[in-house]
Amino acid sequence: MTQMRISEAAELLGVSDDTVRRWLDSGRLTAGPEAPGPRTVDGASIAAAMAEQAVDPAPVSIQSARNRFPGIITRVERDGVMALVEIQAGPHRVTSLLSRESADELGLAPGVRAAAVIKSTNVIVELEASS
């Protein structure tokens, strides 16, 4: 089983270290095996907690894309033809390049709630380097 330090779990869950400790004490998260050194959190319980926290916004249409990241627009840069739009969706920053006309029609601006909908036939999975 994958084990993480409390601070790593807190960062992934978007909560404080103290909240992770309370969740361990209440049984919402599963602690790693007792061992000398810092307390750890079971990776599978972190994944389950993240899935519980996921917000499933009301659908705006019927579509085949399943990767939907609701968030808020933090940046819009327009030029003559194109617009770069940045959405902060939880801990994830998603950047999209679309036509300026589309950005204008949608009224995209910082502070506007939006969702990044991603459909791709190629997804790369990477692991962080061990420290």
N, C-alpha and C. Protein backbone atom coordinates (compact mmCIF):
# COMPACT_ATOMS: atom_id res chain seq x y z
N MET A 1 0.83 -1.19 0.00
CA MET A 1 0.00 0.00 0.00
C MET A 1 0.87 1.25 0.00
N THR A 2 0.42 2.28 -0.71
CA THR A 2 1.11 3.55 -0.73
C THR A 2 0.78 4.34 0.52
N GLN A 3 1.79 4.87 1.13
CA GLN A 3 1.63 5.69 2.34
C GLN A 3 2.11 7.10 2.04
N MET A 4 1.45 8.09 2.62
CA MET A 4 1.86 9.48 2.44
C MET A 4 1.95 10.16 3.79
N ARG A 5 2.81 11.15 3.85
CA ARG A 5 2.88 11.96 5.06
C ARG A 5 1.61 12.79 5.18
N ILE A 6 1.31 13.22 6.37
CA ILE A 6 0.11 14.03 6.61
C ILE A 6 0.12 15.29 5.76
N SER A 7 1.27 15.94 5.65
CA SER A 7 1.35 17.18 4.87
C SER A 7 1.06 16.92 3.39
N GLU A 8 1.52 15.78 2.85
CA GLU A 8 1.25 15.44 1.45
C GLU A 8 -0.24 15.18 1.24
N ALA A 9 -0.86 14.46 2.19
CA ALA A 9 -2.30 14.18 2.09
C ALA A 9 -3.09 15.49 2.15
N ALA A 10 -2.69 16.39 3.05
CA ALA A 10 -3.39 17.67 3.19
C ALA A 10 -3.32 18.47 1.89
N GLU A 11 -2.15 18.48 1.26
CA GLU A 11 -1.99 19.22 0.00
C GLU A 11 -2.90 18.65 -1.08
N LEU A 12 -2.95 17.32 -1.20
CA LEU A 12 -3.80 16.69 -2.21
C LEU A 12 -5.28 16.94 -1.95
N LEU A 13 -5.67 16.91 -0.68
CA LEU A 13 -7.08 17.07 -0.31
C LEU A 13 -7.51 18.53 -0.23
N GLY A 14 -6.55 19.45 -0.24
CA GLY A 14 -6.88 20.87 -0.16
C GLY A 14 -7.36 21.29 1.22
N VAL A 15 -6.82 20.63 2.26
CA VAL A 15 -7.19 20.95 3.64
C VAL A 15 -5.91 21.13 4.45
N SER A 16 -6.06 21.49 5.72
CA SER A 16 -4.90 21.68 6.57
C SER A 16 -4.40 20.35 7.13
N ASP A 17 -3.18 20.35 7.62
CA ASP A 17 -2.63 19.17 8.29
C ASP A 17 -3.51 18.76 9.47
N ASP A 18 -3.99 19.75 10.21
CA ASP A 18 -4.85 19.46 11.37
C ASP A 18 -6.14 18.76 10.95
N THR A 19 -6.69 19.15 9.82
CA THR A 19 -7.91 18.50 9.33
C THR A 19 -7.62 17.04 9.00
N VAL A 20 -6.48 16.77 8.38
CA VAL A 20 -6.12 15.38 8.08
C VAL A 20 -5.98 14.59 9.38
N ARG A 21 -5.37 15.17 10.38
CA ARG A 21 -5.24 14.48 11.68
C ARG A 21 -6.61 14.17 12.28
N ARG A 22 -7.53 15.16 12.21
CA ARG A 22 -8.88 14.93 12.73
C ARG A 22 -9.57 13.82 11.94
N TRP A 23 -9.40 13.80 10.62
CA TRP A 23 -10.02 12.76 9.78
C TRP A 23 -9.43 11.39 10.09
N LEU A 24 -8.14 11.34 10.42
CA LEU A 24 -7.53 10.08 10.84
C LEU A 24 -8.14 9.62 12.17
N ASP A 25 -8.26 10.55 13.11
CA ASP A 25 -8.80 10.21 14.42
C ASP A 25 -10.27 9.78 14.35
N SER A 26 -11.03 10.37 13.41
CA SER A 26 -12.46 10.04 13.30
C SER A 26 -12.71 8.81 12.42
N GLY A 27 -11.67 8.35 11.71
CA GLY A 27 -11.82 7.18 10.85
C GLY A 27 -12.19 7.51 9.41
N ARG A 28 -12.32 8.79 9.08
CA ARG A 28 -12.62 9.17 7.69
C ARG A 28 -11.45 8.79 6.78
N LEU A 29 -10.24 8.90 7.29
CA LEU A 29 -9.03 8.45 6.58
C LEU A 29 -8.41 7.31 7.38
N THR A 30 -7.69 6.44 6.67
CA THR A 30 -7.04 5.30 7.30
C THR A 30 -5.57 5.61 7.51
N ALA A 31 -5.10 5.40 8.72
CA ALA A 31 -3.69 5.64 9.03
C ALA A 31 -2.82 4.53 8.46
N GLY A 32 -1.59 4.88 8.17
CA GLY A 32 -0.63 3.88 7.73
C GLY A 32 -0.22 3.01 8.91
N PRO A 33 0.58 1.99 8.67
CA PRO A 33 0.99 1.10 9.75
C PRO A 33 1.79 1.86 10.82
N GLU A 34 1.61 1.44 12.05
CA GLU A 34 2.37 2.04 13.15
C GLU A 34 3.84 1.76 12.92
N ALA A 35 4.62 2.80 12.92
CA ALA A 35 6.06 2.66 12.72
C ALA A 35 6.74 3.84 13.38
N PRO A 36 8.01 3.67 13.69
CA PRO A 36 8.73 4.83 14.23
C PRO A 36 8.76 5.94 13.17
N GLY A 37 8.69 7.15 13.61
CA GLY A 37 8.73 8.27 12.68
C GLY A 37 7.36 8.91 12.53
N PRO A 38 7.24 9.80 11.54
CA PRO A 38 5.98 10.55 11.37
C PRO A 38 4.81 9.63 11.01
N ARG A 39 3.65 10.05 11.43
CA ARG A 39 2.41 9.34 11.13
C ARG A 39 2.16 9.43 9.62
N THR A 40 1.59 8.37 9.03
CA THR A 40 1.31 8.36 7.60
C THR A 40 -0.18 8.07 7.36
N VAL A 41 -0.59 8.30 6.12
CA VAL A 41 -1.98 8.10 5.71
C VAL A 41 -1.97 7.12 4.54
N ASP A 42 -2.91 6.18 4.55
CA ASP A 42 -3.04 5.21 3.48
C ASP A 42 -3.49 5.92 2.20
N GLY A 43 -2.76 5.69 1.10
CA GLY A 43 -3.06 6.34 -0.18
C GLY A 43 -4.45 6.03 -0.70
N ALA A 44 -4.93 4.80 -0.51
CA ALA A 44 -6.26 4.43 -1.00
C ALA A 44 -7.35 5.22 -0.27
N SER A 45 -7.16 5.49 1.01
CA SER A 45 -8.18 6.26 1.74
C SER A 45 -8.17 7.72 1.30
N ILE A 46 -6.99 8.23 0.90
CA ILE A 46 -6.91 9.59 0.36
C ILE A 46 -7.68 9.65 -0.95
N ALA A 47 -7.48 8.66 -1.82
CA ALA A 47 -8.19 8.62 -3.10
C ALA A 47 -9.70 8.57 -2.89
N ALA A 48 -10.14 7.77 -1.93
CA ALA A 48 -11.58 7.67 -1.65
C ALA A 48 -12.13 9.00 -1.15
N ALA A 49 -11.38 9.68 -0.28
CA ALA A 49 -11.82 10.99 0.24
C ALA A 49 -11.89 12.01 -0.88
N MET A 50 -10.92 11.98 -1.81
CA MET A 50 -10.93 12.91 -2.94
C MET A 50 -12.15 12.66 -3.83
N ALA A 51 -12.48 11.39 -4.03
CA ALA A 51 -13.65 11.06 -4.85
C ALA A 51 -14.93 11.54 -4.18
N GLU A 52 -15.01 11.46 -2.84
CA GLU A 52 -16.17 11.95 -2.09
C GLU A 52 -16.32 13.46 -2.26
N GLN A 53 -15.20 14.16 -2.28
CA GLN A 53 -15.21 15.62 -2.36
C GLN A 53 -15.53 16.13 -3.75
N ALA A 54 -15.39 15.27 -4.75
CA ALA A 54 -15.61 15.71 -6.13
C ALA A 54 -17.03 16.23 -6.30
N VAL A 55 -17.14 17.39 -6.89
CA VAL A 55 -18.43 18.00 -7.12
C VAL A 55 -18.89 17.59 -8.51
N ASP A 56 -20.10 17.08 -8.59
CA ASP A 56 -20.66 16.72 -9.88
C ASP A 56 -21.69 17.78 -10.24
N PRO A 57 -21.27 18.83 -10.97
CA PRO A 57 -22.19 19.92 -11.26
C PRO A 57 -23.33 19.44 -12.16
N ALA A 58 -24.40 20.18 -12.11
CA ALA A 58 -25.55 19.84 -12.96
C ALA A 58 -25.11 19.88 -14.42
N PRO A 59 -25.51 18.87 -15.19
CA PRO A 59 -25.08 18.86 -16.60
C PRO A 59 -25.71 20.01 -17.37
N VAL A 60 -24.90 20.58 -18.24
CA VAL A 60 -25.40 21.66 -19.10
C VAL A 60 -25.88 21.10 -20.42
N SER A 61 -25.45 19.90 -20.74
CA SER A 61 -25.87 19.24 -21.96
C SER A 61 -25.51 17.77 -21.85
N ILE A 62 -25.98 17.00 -22.77
CA ILE A 62 -25.61 15.59 -22.81
C ILE A 62 -24.41 15.48 -23.73
N GLN A 63 -23.35 14.85 -23.24
CA GLN A 63 -22.14 14.72 -24.04
C GLN A 63 -21.38 13.48 -23.61
N SER A 64 -20.41 13.11 -24.43
CA SER A 64 -19.65 11.90 -24.13
C SER A 64 -18.42 12.16 -23.27
N ALA A 65 -18.01 13.42 -23.12
CA ALA A 65 -16.83 13.73 -22.32
C ALA A 65 -17.12 13.50 -20.84
N ARG A 66 -16.21 12.86 -20.15
CA ARG A 66 -16.40 12.57 -18.73
C ARG A 66 -15.45 13.36 -17.84
N ASN A 67 -14.44 13.96 -18.42
CA ASN A 67 -13.45 14.69 -17.64
C ASN A 67 -13.86 16.16 -17.56
N ARG A 68 -14.59 16.49 -16.51
CA ARG A 68 -15.16 17.82 -16.35
C ARG A 68 -14.60 18.41 -15.07
N PHE A 69 -13.93 19.55 -15.19
CA PHE A 69 -13.29 20.20 -14.06
C PHE A 69 -13.92 21.57 -13.81
N PRO A 70 -14.90 21.66 -12.90
CA PRO A 70 -15.50 22.96 -12.61
C PRO A 70 -14.53 23.84 -11.85
N GLY A 71 -14.55 25.13 -12.16
CA GLY A 71 -13.64 26.05 -11.49
C GLY A 71 -14.02 27.48 -11.77
N ILE A 72 -13.00 28.33 -11.72
CA ILE A 72 -13.21 29.76 -11.94
C ILE A 72 -12.12 30.26 -12.89
N ILE A 73 -12.50 31.16 -13.78
CA ILE A 73 -11.53 31.71 -14.74
C ILE A 73 -10.62 32.68 -14.00
N THR A 74 -9.31 32.48 -14.17
CA THR A 74 -8.34 33.36 -13.50
C THR A 74 -7.62 34.29 -14.47
N ARG A 75 -7.67 33.96 -15.77
CA ARG A 75 -6.95 34.81 -16.74
C ARG A 75 -7.57 34.62 -18.12
N VAL A 76 -7.72 35.72 -18.85
CA VAL A 76 -8.13 35.68 -20.25
C VAL A 76 -7.24 36.66 -21.00
N GLU A 77 -6.54 36.17 -22.02
CA GLU A 77 -5.72 37.02 -22.87
C GLU A 77 -6.26 36.92 -24.29
N ARG A 78 -6.71 38.04 -24.83
CA ARG A 78 -7.26 38.06 -26.19
C ARG A 78 -6.29 38.76 -27.12
N ASP A 79 -6.19 38.25 -28.36
CA ASP A 79 -5.47 38.98 -29.40
C ASP A 79 -6.44 39.12 -30.57
N GLY A 80 -5.95 39.34 -31.75
CA GLY A 80 -6.82 39.56 -32.90
C GLY A 80 -7.76 38.42 -33.20
N VAL A 81 -7.28 37.17 -33.12
CA VAL A 81 -8.08 36.02 -33.54
C VAL A 81 -8.32 35.03 -32.41
N MET A 82 -7.37 34.87 -31.51
CA MET A 82 -7.44 33.82 -30.49
C MET A 82 -7.53 34.40 -29.07
N ALA A 83 -7.92 33.53 -28.15
CA ALA A 83 -7.95 33.89 -26.73
C ALA A 83 -7.39 32.73 -25.92
N LEU A 84 -6.57 33.06 -24.94
CA LEU A 84 -6.05 32.08 -24.00
C LEU A 84 -6.86 32.22 -22.72
N VAL A 85 -7.43 31.11 -22.26
CA VAL A 85 -8.27 31.14 -21.06
C VAL A 85 -7.67 30.17 -20.04
N GLU A 86 -7.52 30.65 -18.82
CA GLU A 86 -6.98 29.83 -17.74
C GLU A 86 -8.06 29.63 -16.68
N ILE A 87 -8.29 28.36 -16.31
CA ILE A 87 -9.29 28.03 -15.30
C ILE A 87 -8.58 27.35 -14.13
N GLN A 88 -8.87 27.82 -12.93
CA GLN A 88 -8.36 27.16 -11.72
C GLN A 88 -9.48 26.25 -11.23
N ALA A 89 -9.24 24.94 -11.31
CA ALA A 89 -10.23 23.94 -10.92
C ALA A 89 -9.66 23.17 -9.74
N GLY A 90 -9.99 23.61 -8.52
CA GLY A 90 -9.37 23.01 -7.34
C GLY A 90 -7.88 23.27 -7.40
N PRO A 91 -7.06 22.24 -7.20
CA PRO A 91 -5.61 22.44 -7.26
C PRO A 91 -5.07 22.44 -8.69
N HIS A 92 -5.95 22.26 -9.67
CA HIS A 92 -5.50 22.12 -11.06
C HIS A 92 -5.71 23.41 -11.85
N ARG A 93 -4.70 23.77 -12.65
CA ARG A 93 -4.80 24.91 -13.55
C ARG A 93 -4.91 24.36 -14.95
N VAL A 94 -6.00 24.70 -15.64
CA VAL A 94 -6.24 24.22 -17.00
C VAL A 94 -6.21 25.42 -17.92
N THR A 95 -5.45 25.31 -19.00
CA THR A 95 -5.33 26.39 -19.97
C THR A 95 -5.92 25.93 -21.29
N SER A 96 -6.70 26.80 -21.91
CA SER A 96 -7.33 26.48 -23.19
C SER A 96 -7.10 27.61 -24.18
N LEU A 97 -6.90 27.24 -25.42
CA LEU A 97 -6.76 28.21 -26.50
C LEU A 97 -7.99 28.07 -27.39
N LEU A 98 -8.76 29.14 -27.52
CA LEU A 98 -9.96 29.11 -28.34
C LEU A 98 -10.08 30.40 -29.12
N SER A 99 -11.05 30.46 -30.01
CA SER A 99 -11.18 31.67 -30.82
C SER A 99 -11.62 32.84 -29.94
N ARG A 100 -11.19 34.02 -30.31
CA ARG A 100 -11.59 35.22 -29.57
C ARG A 100 -13.10 35.39 -29.65
N GLU A 101 -13.67 35.07 -30.80
CA GLU A 101 -15.11 35.19 -30.98
C GLU A 101 -15.85 34.31 -29.96
N SER A 102 -15.40 33.08 -29.76
CA SER A 102 -16.03 32.20 -28.77
C SER A 102 -15.90 32.77 -27.37
N ALA A 103 -14.71 33.25 -27.02
CA ALA A 103 -14.50 33.83 -25.69
C ALA A 103 -15.41 35.03 -25.47
N ASP A 104 -15.56 35.86 -26.50
CA ASP A 104 -16.42 37.04 -26.39
C ASP A 104 -17.89 36.63 -26.25
N GLU A 105 -18.33 35.67 -27.06
CA GLU A 105 -19.73 35.22 -27.02
C GLU A 105 -20.08 34.61 -25.66
N LEU A 106 -19.13 33.89 -25.05
CA LEU A 106 -19.36 33.27 -23.75
C LEU A 106 -19.18 34.26 -22.59
N GLY A 107 -18.64 35.44 -22.87
CA GLY A 107 -18.42 36.43 -21.82
C GLY A 107 -17.34 36.01 -20.83
N LEU A 108 -16.30 35.34 -21.34
CA LEU A 108 -15.24 34.83 -20.46
C LEU A 108 -14.39 35.97 -19.92
N ALA A 109 -14.22 35.98 -18.59
CA ALA A 109 -13.43 37.00 -17.91
C ALA A 109 -13.02 36.44 -16.56
N PRO A 110 -11.95 36.98 -15.97
CA PRO A 110 -11.56 36.52 -14.64
C PRO A 110 -12.73 36.66 -13.65
N GLY A 111 -12.90 35.61 -12.84
CA GLY A 111 -13.97 35.60 -11.84
C GLY A 111 -15.22 34.88 -12.29
N VAL A 112 -15.33 34.57 -13.58
CA VAL A 112 -16.50 33.87 -14.10
C VAL A 112 -16.35 32.37 -13.81
N ARG A 113 -17.42 31.75 -13.29
CA ARG A 113 -17.39 30.30 -13.06
C ARG A 113 -17.50 29.60 -14.41
N ALA A 114 -16.68 28.55 -14.57
CA ALA A 114 -16.66 27.81 -15.83
C ALA A 114 -16.19 26.39 -15.54
N ALA A 115 -16.32 25.53 -16.51
CA ALA A 115 -15.81 24.17 -16.38
C ALA A 115 -14.92 23.87 -17.57
N ALA A 116 -13.80 23.23 -17.32
CA ALA A 116 -12.94 22.74 -18.40
C ALA A 116 -13.41 21.32 -18.69
N VAL A 117 -13.84 21.08 -19.91
CA VAL A 117 -14.28 19.75 -20.33
C VAL A 117 -13.23 19.22 -21.27
N ILE A 118 -12.62 18.09 -20.90
CA ILE A 118 -11.48 17.58 -21.64
C ILE A 118 -11.83 16.22 -22.22
N LYS A 119 -11.64 16.09 -23.52
CA LYS A 119 -11.84 14.81 -24.18
C LYS A 119 -10.60 14.57 -25.03
N SER A 120 -9.95 13.48 -24.77
CA SER A 120 -8.71 13.20 -25.47
C SER A 120 -8.55 11.70 -25.65
N THR A 121 -7.89 11.34 -26.72
CA THR A 121 -7.60 9.92 -26.93
C THR A 121 -6.24 9.55 -26.38
N ASN A 122 -5.51 10.55 -25.85
CA ASN A 122 -4.18 10.30 -25.34
C ASN A 122 -4.01 10.99 -24.00
N VAL A 123 -3.83 10.21 -22.94
CA VAL A 123 -3.62 10.77 -21.61
C VAL A 123 -2.33 10.19 -21.07
N ILE A 124 -1.45 11.05 -20.58
CA ILE A 124 -0.16 10.62 -20.03
C ILE A 124 -0.27 10.64 -18.51
N VAL A 125 0.17 9.57 -17.88
CA VAL A 125 0.18 9.48 -16.41
C VAL A 125 1.62 9.50 -15.96
N GLU A 126 1.94 10.35 -15.02
CA GLU A 126 3.31 10.40 -14.51
C GLU A 126 3.29 10.36 -13.00
N LEU A 127 4.36 9.89 -12.41
CA LEU A 127 4.51 9.86 -10.97
C LEU A 127 5.53 10.89 -10.55
N GLU A 128 5.30 11.49 -9.38
CA GLU A 128 6.28 12.44 -8.86
C GLU A 128 7.51 11.66 -8.41
N ALA A 129 8.65 12.30 -8.51
CA ALA A 129 9.90 11.68 -8.08
C ALA A 129 9.86 11.46 -6.57
N SER A 130 10.37 10.33 -6.13
CA SER A 130 10.43 10.05 -4.69
C SER A 130 11.46 10.93 -4.04
N SER A 131 11.13 11.38 -2.83
CA SER A 131 12.10 12.25 -2.14
C SER A 131 12.79 11.48 -1.05
